[in-house]
């Protein structure tokens, strides 16, 4: 079963990727103020308050999350101006800058100079803000340790606070549920935020998540709904929708009521 994903038939050479930072910031704000979380998930909500650096896991990454650490920092620079965030990138389509036949699709602010980056760093210097890329691995997240069976060191290095899957297309890829299951089991306090190109696709994603997990396994923080921080450009998906046009959030039931 395969849906049209964010890589398929994408011919744009200059994509608006700012909605990623805006969506993450909106999620942080909502997670610390969500009534459900304040009542039932206080431990989770508190993780996003104050100056704490957030460990964010990005699932299903490709060239749109950047081909190297410098480009990733530029793509998420608006996020870094507001919060300190450690980014961990995983995805079978993750692109590296030394890959052959690399195209410019999905690049962000390519004309930006190194001086601009230095100026941004100066603006945030001394504050608990900035982007740090701590992991970048080309694989499905739930398969990250299969290459080195018996080596469990990586599993315990980072305790993720939250996971994002941008424009995922869960309804078309069975592997998403396997990665979600791994996150829910290993990081029960990490909410999973899934976005989609349209409300219709997000509702389909929600149906798949509900079919894949029982009520005793997950709780929805918010169900499929429109995302105010979506991109202004129509870029992809089954309905030629906008990046991060709709979103949903769920978390492991193991944390419910703690």
C-alpha atoms as a PDB file:
ATOM      1  CA  UNK A   1       0.000   0.000   0.000  1.00  0.00           C
ATOM      2  CA  UNK A   2       1.607   3.224  -1.121  1.00  0.00           C
ATOM      3  CA  UNK A   3       0.440   6.808  -1.041  1.00  0.00           C
ATOM      4  CA  UNK A   4       1.820   9.684  -2.962  1.00  0.00           C
ATOM      5  CA  UNK A   5       4.535  10.937  -0.658  1.00  0.00           C
ATOM      6  CA  UNK A   6       6.388  14.203  -0.344  1.00  0.00           C
ATOM      7  CA  UNK A   7       9.065  13.077  -2.798  1.00  0.00           C
ATOM      8  CA  UNK A   8       6.739  11.977  -5.585  1.00  0.00           C
ATOM      9  CA  UNK A   9       6.475  14.114  -8.710  1.00  0.00           C
ATOM     10  CA  UNK A  10       7.947  17.073  -6.893  1.00  0.00           C
ATOM     11  CA  UNK A  11       9.379  19.481  -9.427  1.00  0.00           C
ATOM     12  CA  UNK A  12       9.616  22.630  -7.308  1.00  0.00           C
ATOM     13  CA  UNK A  13      13.149  23.949  -6.920  1.00  0.00           C
ATOM     14  CA  UNK A  14      12.347  26.533  -4.256  1.00  0.00           C
ATOM     15  CA  UNK A  15       9.963  25.317  -1.618  1.00  0.00           C
ATOM     16  CA  UNK A  16       8.613  27.250   1.344  1.00  0.00           C
ATOM     17  CA  UNK A  17       9.892  25.194   4.265  1.00  0.00           C
ATOM     18  CA  UNK A  18       9.270  27.778   6.972  1.00  0.00           C
ATOM     19  CA  UNK A  19       6.081  26.019   8.069  1.00  0.00           C
ATOM     20  CA  UNK A  20       8.216  23.317   9.670  1.00  0.00           C
ATOM     21  CA  UNK A  21       9.645  25.739  12.232  1.00  0.00           C
ATOM     22  CA  UNK A  22       6.275  27.423  12.716  1.00  0.00           C
ATOM     23  CA  UNK A  23       4.522  24.088  13.177  1.00  0.00           C
ATOM     24  CA  UNK A  24       7.057  22.912  15.746  1.00  0.00           C
ATOM     25  CA  UNK A  25       6.837  26.166  17.708  1.00  0.00           C
ATOM     26  CA  UNK A  26       3.039  26.008  17.605  1.00  0.00           C
ATOM     27  CA  UNK A  27       3.207  22.416  18.876  1.00  0.00           C
ATOM     28  CA  UNK A  28       5.508  23.405  21.751  1.00  0.00           C
ATOM     29  CA  UNK A  29       3.126  26.178  22.758  1.00  0.00           C
ATOM     30  CA  UNK A  30       0.107  23.939  22.524  1.00  0.00           C
ATOM     31  CA  UNK A  31       1.668  21.032  24.372  1.00  0.00           C
ATOM     32  CA  UNK A  32       2.443  23.178  27.392  1.00  0.00           C
ATOM     33  CA  UNK A  33      -0.994  24.784  27.425  1.00  0.00           C
ATOM     34  CA  UNK A  34      -3.249  21.961  26.230  1.00  0.00           C
ATOM     35  CA  UNK A  35      -5.957  21.389  28.885  1.00  0.00           C
ATOM     36  CA  UNK A  36      -5.755  17.630  28.435  1.00  0.00           C
ATOM     37  CA  UNK A  37      -2.021  17.699  29.023  1.00  0.00           C
ATOM     38  CA  UNK A  38      -2.174  19.986  32.014  1.00  0.00           C
ATOM     39  CA  UNK A  39      -4.672  17.655  33.663  1.00  0.00           C
ATOM     40  CA  UNK A  40      -3.482  14.246  32.524  1.00  0.00           C
ATOM     41  CA  UNK A  41       0.002  14.701  31.067  1.00  0.00           C
ATOM     42  CA  UNK A  42       1.570  17.258  33.387  1.00  0.00           C
ATOM     43  CA  UNK A  43       4.989  15.671  33.006  1.00  0.00           C
ATOM     44  CA  UNK A  44       4.810  16.032  29.221  1.00  0.00           C
ATOM     45  CA  UNK A  45       3.454  19.572  29.246  1.00  0.00           C
ATOM     46  CA  UNK A  46       6.135  20.756  31.654  1.00  0.00           C
ATOM     47  CA  UNK A  47       8.853  19.520  29.312  1.00  0.00           C
ATOM     48  CA  UNK A  48       8.059  22.341  26.886  1.00  0.00           C
ATOM     49  CA  UNK A  49       8.085  25.173  29.411  1.00  0.00           C
ATOM     50  CA  UNK A  50      10.951  27.450  30.304  1.00  0.00           C
ATOM     51  CA  UNK A  51      14.442  27.346  28.822  1.00  0.00           C
ATOM     52  CA  UNK A  52      14.897  23.603  28.574  1.00  0.00           C
ATOM     53  CA  UNK A  53      16.504  22.404  25.347  1.00  0.00           C
ATOM     54  CA  UNK A  54      14.057  20.110  23.560  1.00  0.00           C
ATOM     55  CA  UNK A  55      15.140  16.810  22.001  1.00  0.00           C
ATOM     56  CA  UNK A  56      13.037  16.579  18.837  1.00  0.00           C
ATOM     57  CA  UNK A  57      12.890  13.454  16.693  1.00  0.00           C
ATOM     58  CA  UNK A  58      12.080  14.029  12.994  1.00  0.00           C
ATOM     59  CA  UNK A  59      10.770  10.929  11.244  1.00  0.00           C
ATOM     60  CA  UNK A  60      10.602  10.265   7.504  1.00  0.00           C
ATOM     61  CA  UNK A  61      13.150  12.938   6.629  1.00  0.00           C
ATOM     62  CA  UNK A  62      14.299  13.617   3.081  1.00  0.00           C
ATOM     63  CA  UNK A  63      16.020  16.463   1.222  1.00  0.00           C
ATOM     64  CA  UNK A  64      13.464  18.926   2.569  1.00  0.00           C
ATOM     65  CA  UNK A  65      15.026  18.649   6.006  1.00  0.00           C
ATOM     66  CA  UNK A  66      18.420  19.568   4.550  1.00  0.00           C
ATOM     67  CA  UNK A  67      21.355  17.705   3.002  1.00  0.00           C
ATOM     68  CA  UNK A  68      23.847  18.622   5.724  1.00  0.00           C
ATOM     69  CA  UNK A  69      23.850  20.102   9.204  1.00  0.00           C
ATOM     70  CA  UNK A  70      24.348  23.666   7.970  1.00  0.00           C
ATOM     71  CA  UNK A  71      21.390  23.499   5.629  1.00  0.00           C
ATOM     72  CA  UNK A  72      19.204  21.873   8.293  1.00  0.00           C
ATOM     73  CA  UNK A  73      20.048  24.714  10.655  1.00  0.00           C
ATOM     74  CA  UNK A  74      19.024  27.242   7.995  1.00  0.00           C
ATOM     75  CA  UNK A  75      15.737  25.459   7.345  1.00  0.00           C
ATOM     76  CA  UNK A  76      14.921  25.478  11.062  1.00  0.00           C
ATOM     77  CA  UNK A  77      16.564  28.800  11.927  1.00  0.00           C
ATOM     78  CA  UNK A  78      13.246  30.443  12.893  1.00  0.00           C
ATOM     79  CA  UNK A  79      12.748  27.645  15.403  1.00  0.00           C
ATOM     80  CA  UNK A  80      16.256  28.158  16.750  1.00  0.00           C
ATOM     81  CA  UNK A  81      15.605  31.843  17.358  1.00  0.00           C
ATOM     82  CA  UNK A  82      12.864  30.916  19.819  1.00  0.00           C
ATOM     83  CA  UNK A  83      13.961  27.689  21.476  1.00  0.00           C
ATOM     84  CA  UNK A  84      17.004  25.532  21.941  1.00  0.00           C
ATOM     85  CA  UNK A  85      16.340  22.299  20.056  1.00  0.00           C
ATOM     86  CA  UNK A  86      18.416  19.179  19.416  1.00  0.00           C
ATOM     87  CA  UNK A  87      17.265  17.659  16.123  1.00  0.00           C
ATOM     88  CA  UNK A  88      17.522  13.957  15.310  1.00  0.00           C
ATOM     89  CA  UNK A  89      16.815  13.172  11.646  1.00  0.00           C
ATOM     90  CA  UNK A  90      15.828   9.708  10.432  1.00  0.00           C
ATOM     91  CA  UNK A  91      14.378   8.549   7.128  1.00  0.00           C
ATOM     92  CA  UNK A  92      15.051   6.098   4.283  1.00  0.00           C
ATOM     93  CA  UNK A  93      15.058   9.013   1.807  1.00  0.00           C
ATOM     94  CA  UNK A  94      17.376  11.246   3.822  1.00  0.00           C
ATOM     95  CA  UNK A  95      19.810  12.969   1.461  1.00  0.00           C
ATOM     96  CA  UNK A  96      23.453  13.783   2.151  1.00  0.00           C
ATOM     97  CA  UNK A  97      25.444  16.488   0.389  1.00  0.00           C
ATOM     98  CA  UNK A  98      27.878  13.968  -1.076  1.00  0.00           C
ATOM     99  CA  UNK A  99      25.150  11.876  -2.724  1.00  0.00           C
ATOM    100  CA  UNK A 100      25.432  11.486  -6.481  1.00  0.00           C
ATOM    101  CA  UNK A 101      22.861  13.149  -8.748  1.00  0.00           C
ATOM    102  CA  UNK A 102      21.799  15.514  -5.980  1.00  0.00           C
ATOM    103  CA  UNK A 103      19.243  18.067  -7.140  1.00  0.00           C
ATOM    104  CA  UNK A 104      18.216  21.307  -5.457  1.00  0.00           C
ATOM    105  CA  UNK A 105      14.657  20.246  -4.660  1.00  0.00           C
ATOM    106  CA  UNK A 106      13.701  21.075  -1.134  1.00  0.00           C
ATOM    107  CA  UNK A 107      16.575  23.430  -0.380  1.00  0.00           C
ATOM    108  CA  UNK A 108      15.936  26.438   1.806  1.00  0.00           C
ATOM    109  CA  UNK A 109      17.564  29.860   1.576  1.00  0.00           C
ATOM    110  CA  UNK A 110      20.358  28.585  -0.678  1.00  0.00           C
ATOM    111  CA  UNK A 111      21.510  32.124  -1.418  1.00  0.00           C
ATOM    112  CA  UNK A 112      21.972  32.860   2.267  1.00  0.00           C
ATOM    113  CA  UNK A 113      25.585  33.621   3.112  1.00  0.00           C
ATOM    114  CA  UNK A 114      27.671  32.313   5.951  1.00  0.00           C
ATOM    115  CA  UNK A 115      27.706  35.863   7.310  1.00  0.00           C
ATOM    116  CA  UNK A 116      23.931  35.689   7.699  1.00  0.00           C
ATOM    117  CA  UNK A 117      24.306  32.493   9.718  1.00  0.00           C
ATOM    118  CA  UNK A 118      26.909  34.141  11.931  1.00  0.00           C
ATOM    119  CA  UNK A 119      24.633  37.139  12.478  1.00  0.00           C
ATOM    120  CA  UNK A 120      21.784  34.825  13.497  1.00  0.00           C
ATOM    121  CA  UNK A 121      24.082  33.084  15.950  1.00  0.00           C
ATOM    122  CA  UNK A 122      25.063  36.423  17.443  1.00  0.00           C
ATOM    123  CA  UNK A 123      21.412  37.352  17.938  1.00  0.00           C
ATOM    124  CA  UNK A 124      20.752  34.207  19.948  1.00  0.00           C
ATOM    125  CA  UNK A 125      24.104  33.935  21.690  1.00  0.00           C
ATOM    126  CA  UNK A 126      23.798  33.663  25.449  1.00  0.00           C
ATOM    127  CA  UNK A 127      20.197  32.474  25.315  1.00  0.00           C
ATOM    128  CA  UNK A 128      18.935  28.900  25.451  1.00  0.00           C
ATOM    129  CA  UNK A 129      18.093  28.979  21.763  1.00  0.00           C
ATOM    130  CA  UNK A 130      19.619  27.535  18.647  1.00  0.00           C
ATOM    131  CA  UNK A 131      19.513  24.396  16.517  1.00  0.00           C
ATOM    132  CA  UNK A 132      21.866  21.500  17.107  1.00  0.00           C
ATOM    133  CA  UNK A 133      21.767  18.528  14.727  1.00  0.00           C
ATOM    134  CA  UNK A 134      22.701  15.553  16.882  1.00  0.00           C
ATOM    135  CA  UNK A 135      21.684  12.596  14.711  1.00  0.00           C
ATOM    136  CA  UNK A 136      21.299  12.076  10.963  1.00  0.00           C
ATOM    137  CA  UNK A 137      20.684   8.542   9.778  1.00  0.00           C
ATOM    138  CA  UNK A 138      19.263   7.160   6.545  1.00  0.00           C
ATOM    139  CA  UNK A 139      16.921   4.443   7.748  1.00  0.00           C
ATOM    140  CA  UNK A 140      13.443   3.773   9.053  1.00  0.00           C
ATOM    141  CA  UNK A 141      13.541   4.726  12.716  1.00  0.00           C
ATOM    142  CA  UNK A 142      12.384   1.347  13.993  1.00  0.00           C
ATOM    143  CA  UNK A 143      15.188  -0.310  12.009  1.00  0.00           C
ATOM    144  CA  UNK A 144      17.981   1.929  13.296  1.00  0.00           C
ATOM    145  CA  UNK A 145      19.596  -0.758  15.452  1.00  0.00           C
ATOM    146  CA  UNK A 146      19.008  -3.780  13.250  1.00  0.00           C
ATOM    147  CA  UNK A 147      22.257  -3.179  11.398  1.00  0.00           C
ATOM    148  CA  UNK A 148      24.244  -3.768  14.565  1.00  0.00           C
ATOM    149  CA  UNK A 149      22.339  -6.366  16.512  1.00  0.00           C
ATOM    150  CA  UNK A 150      23.383  -6.490  20.112  1.00  0.00           C
ATOM    151  CA  UNK A 151      24.470  -2.856  20.122  1.00  0.00           C
ATOM    152  CA  UNK A 152      21.897  -1.034  22.258  1.00  0.00           C
ATOM    153  CA  UNK A 153      24.060   1.929  23.155  1.00  0.00           C
ATOM    154  CA  UNK A 154      22.296   4.266  20.712  1.00  0.00           C
ATOM    155  CA  UNK A 155      18.897   3.612  22.229  1.00  0.00           C
ATOM    156  CA  UNK A 156      19.876   5.174  25.517  1.00  0.00           C
ATOM    157  CA  UNK A 157      21.877   8.148  24.291  1.00  0.00           C
ATOM    158  CA  UNK A 158      18.972  10.550  23.723  1.00  0.00           C
ATOM    159  CA  UNK A 159      15.627  10.729  25.496  1.00  0.00           C
ATOM    160  CA  UNK A 160      13.340  12.320  22.918  1.00  0.00           C
ATOM    161  CA  UNK A 161      10.772  14.835  24.160  1.00  0.00           C
ATOM    162  CA  UNK A 162       8.654  14.878  21.004  1.00  0.00           C
ATOM    163  CA  UNK A 163       8.480  13.325  17.528  1.00  0.00           C
ATOM    164  CA  UNK A 164       7.345  14.926  14.264  1.00  0.00           C
ATOM    165  CA  UNK A 165       6.354  13.325  10.975  1.00  0.00           C
ATOM    166  CA  UNK A 166       5.828  16.046   8.364  1.00  0.00           C
ATOM    167  CA  UNK A 167       3.405  15.310   5.498  1.00  0.00           C
ATOM    168  CA  UNK A 168       3.703  11.642   6.365  1.00  0.00           C
ATOM    169  CA  UNK A 169       1.031   9.865   4.362  1.00  0.00           C
ATOM    170  CA  UNK A 170       0.519   7.255   7.076  1.00  0.00           C
ATOM    171  CA  UNK A 171      -2.465   5.890   5.156  1.00  0.00           C
ATOM    172  CA  UNK A 172      -0.152   4.738   2.358  1.00  0.00           C
ATOM    173  CA  UNK A 173       2.919   3.381   4.142  1.00  0.00           C
ATOM    174  CA  UNK A 174       2.669   0.499   6.598  1.00  0.00           C
ATOM    175  CA  UNK A 175       6.158   1.259   7.911  1.00  0.00           C
ATOM    176  CA  UNK A 176       4.904   4.411   9.674  1.00  0.00           C
ATOM    177  CA  UNK A 177       2.988   2.396  12.243  1.00  0.00           C
ATOM    178  CA  UNK A 178       6.079   0.343  13.007  1.00  0.00           C
ATOM    179  CA  UNK A 179       8.101   3.483  13.702  1.00  0.00           C
ATOM    180  CA  UNK A 180       5.296   4.969  15.790  1.00  0.00           C
ATOM    181  CA  UNK A 181       5.096   1.742  17.780  1.00  0.00           C
ATOM    182  CA  UNK A 182       8.818   1.927  18.526  1.00  0.00           C
ATOM    183  CA  UNK A 183       8.549   5.545  19.676  1.00  0.00           C
ATOM    184  CA  UNK A 184       5.500   4.856  21.843  1.00  0.00           C
ATOM    185  CA  UNK A 185       7.183   1.896  23.497  1.00  0.00           C
ATOM    186  CA  UNK A 186      10.653   3.355  24.005  1.00  0.00           C
ATOM    187  CA  UNK A 187       9.700   7.005  24.622  1.00  0.00           C
ATOM    188  CA  UNK A 188       6.222   6.947  26.221  1.00  0.00           C
ATOM    189  CA  UNK A 189       6.416  10.592  27.290  1.00  0.00           C
ATOM    190  CA  UNK A 190       7.095  11.836  23.758  1.00  0.00           C
ATOM    191  CA  UNK A 191       3.988  13.060  21.909  1.00  0.00           C
ATOM    192  CA  UNK A 192       3.913  12.221  18.186  1.00  0.00           C
ATOM    193  CA  UNK A 193       2.756  15.010  15.860  1.00  0.00           C
ATOM    194  CA  UNK A 194       1.794  13.992  12.321  1.00  0.00           C
ATOM    195  CA  UNK A 195       1.036  16.516   9.587  1.00  0.00           C
ATOM    196  CA  UNK A 196      -0.528  16.140   6.144  1.00  0.00           C
ATOM    197  CA  UNK A 197      -1.017  18.018   2.883  1.00  0.00           C
ATOM    198  CA  UNK A 198      -4.762  18.298   3.452  1.00  0.00           C
ATOM    199  CA  UNK A 199      -7.477  17.715   6.012  1.00  0.00           C
ATOM    200  CA  UNK A 200      -8.676  14.699   4.033  1.00  0.00           C
ATOM    201  CA  UNK A 201      -5.249  13.052   4.162  1.00  0.00           C
ATOM    202  CA  UNK A 202      -4.884  13.849   7.859  1.00  0.00           C
ATOM    203  CA  UNK A 203      -8.221  12.179   8.584  1.00  0.00           C
ATOM    204  CA  UNK A 204      -7.056   9.125   6.637  1.00  0.00           C
ATOM    205  CA  UNK A 205      -3.847   9.113   8.679  1.00  0.00           C
ATOM    206  CA  UNK A 206      -5.877   9.310  11.883  1.00  0.00           C
ATOM    207  CA  UNK A 207      -8.023   6.356  10.784  1.00  0.00           C
ATOM    208  CA  UNK A 208      -4.877   4.299  10.167  1.00  0.00           C
ATOM    209  CA  UNK A 209      -3.430   5.191  13.578  1.00  0.00           C
ATOM    210  CA  UNK A 210      -6.692   4.257  15.285  1.00  0.00           C
ATOM    211  CA  UNK A 211      -6.768   0.950  13.428  1.00  0.00           C
ATOM    212  CA  UNK A 212      -3.138   0.266  14.289  1.00  0.00           C
ATOM    213  CA  UNK A 213      -3.374   1.077  18.002  1.00  0.00           C
ATOM    214  CA  UNK A 214      -6.096   0.451  20.556  1.00  0.00           C
ATOM    215  CA  UNK A 215      -7.423   2.938  23.092  1.00  0.00           C
ATOM    216  CA  UNK A 216      -5.368   1.144  25.716  1.00  0.00           C
ATOM    217  CA  UNK A 217      -2.202   1.987  23.733  1.00  0.00           C
ATOM    218  CA  UNK A 218      -2.591   5.639  22.724  1.00  0.00           C
ATOM    219  CA  UNK A 219      -4.502   8.783  23.619  1.00  0.00           C
ATOM    220  CA  UNK A 220      -5.092  11.632  21.180  1.00  0.00           C
ATOM    221  CA  UNK A 221      -3.969  15.027  22.422  1.00  0.00           C
ATOM    222  CA  UNK A 222      -5.755  16.510  19.413  1.00  0.00           C
ATOM    223  CA  UNK A 223      -7.426  14.747  16.520  1.00  0.00           C
ATOM    224  CA  UNK A 224      -7.041  15.687  12.847  1.00  0.00           C
ATOM    225  CA  UNK A 225      -7.581  19.417  12.400  1.00  0.00           C
ATOM    226  CA  UNK A 226      -6.360  22.297  10.275  1.00  0.00           C
ATOM    227  CA  UNK A 227      -2.930  23.727  11.089  1.00  0.00           C
ATOM    228  CA  UNK A 228      -2.720  27.520  11.087  1.00  0.00           C
ATOM    229  CA  UNK A 229       1.020  27.345  10.443  1.00  0.00           C
ATOM    230  CA  UNK A 230       0.778  25.556   7.102  1.00  0.00           C
ATOM    231  CA  UNK A 231       2.750  26.663   4.058  1.00  0.00           C
ATOM    232  CA  UNK A 232       1.173  29.213   1.737  1.00  0.00           C
ATOM    233  CA  UNK A 233       2.186  27.230  -1.340  1.00  0.00           C
ATOM    234  CA  UNK A 234       0.396  24.251  -2.837  1.00  0.00           C
ATOM    235  CA  UNK A 235       3.113  21.658  -3.081  1.00  0.00           C
ATOM    236  CA  UNK A 236       2.003  18.049  -2.994  1.00  0.00           C
ATOM    237  CA  UNK A 237      -0.115  15.184  -1.778  1.00  0.00           C
ATOM    238  CA  UNK A 238      -3.145  13.597  -3.346  1.00  0.00           C
ATOM    239  CA  UNK A 239      -5.024  16.896  -3.501  1.00  0.00           C
ATOM    240  CA  UNK A 240      -2.093  19.141  -4.390  1.00  0.00           C
ATOM    241  CA  UNK A 241      -2.306  20.558  -0.901  1.00  0.00           C
ATOM    242  CA  UNK A 242      -0.086  22.663   1.308  1.00  0.00           C
ATOM    243  CA  UNK A 243       2.760  21.480   3.498  1.00  0.00           C
ATOM    244  CA  UNK A 244       1.564  20.797   7.040  1.00  0.00           C
ATOM    245  CA  UNK A 245      -1.973  21.840   6.096  1.00  0.00           C
ATOM    246  CA  UNK A 246      -3.480  19.663   8.834  1.00  0.00           C
ATOM    247  CA  UNK A 247      -2.129  17.814  11.839  1.00  0.00           C
ATOM    248  CA  UNK A 248      -2.856  15.542  14.770  1.00  0.00           C
ATOM    249  CA  UNK A 249      -1.101  14.544  17.969  1.00  0.00           C
ATOM    250  CA  UNK A 250      -1.159  11.393  20.078  1.00  0.00           C
ATOM    251  CA  UNK A 251       0.841   9.947  22.937  1.00  0.00           C
ATOM    252  CA  UNK A 252       1.344   6.620  24.676  1.00  0.00           C
ATOM    253  CA  UNK A 253      -1.362   5.642  27.134  1.00  0.00           C
ATOM    254  CA  UNK A 254       1.426   4.561  29.486  1.00  0.00           C
ATOM    255  CA  UNK A 255       1.850   8.227  30.395  1.00  0.00           C
ATOM    256  CA  UNK A 256      -1.859   8.910  30.716  1.00  0.00           C
ATOM    257  CA  UNK A 257      -2.780   9.959  34.201  1.00  0.00           C
ATOM    258  CA  UNK A 258       0.805  10.163  35.476  1.00  0.00           C
END
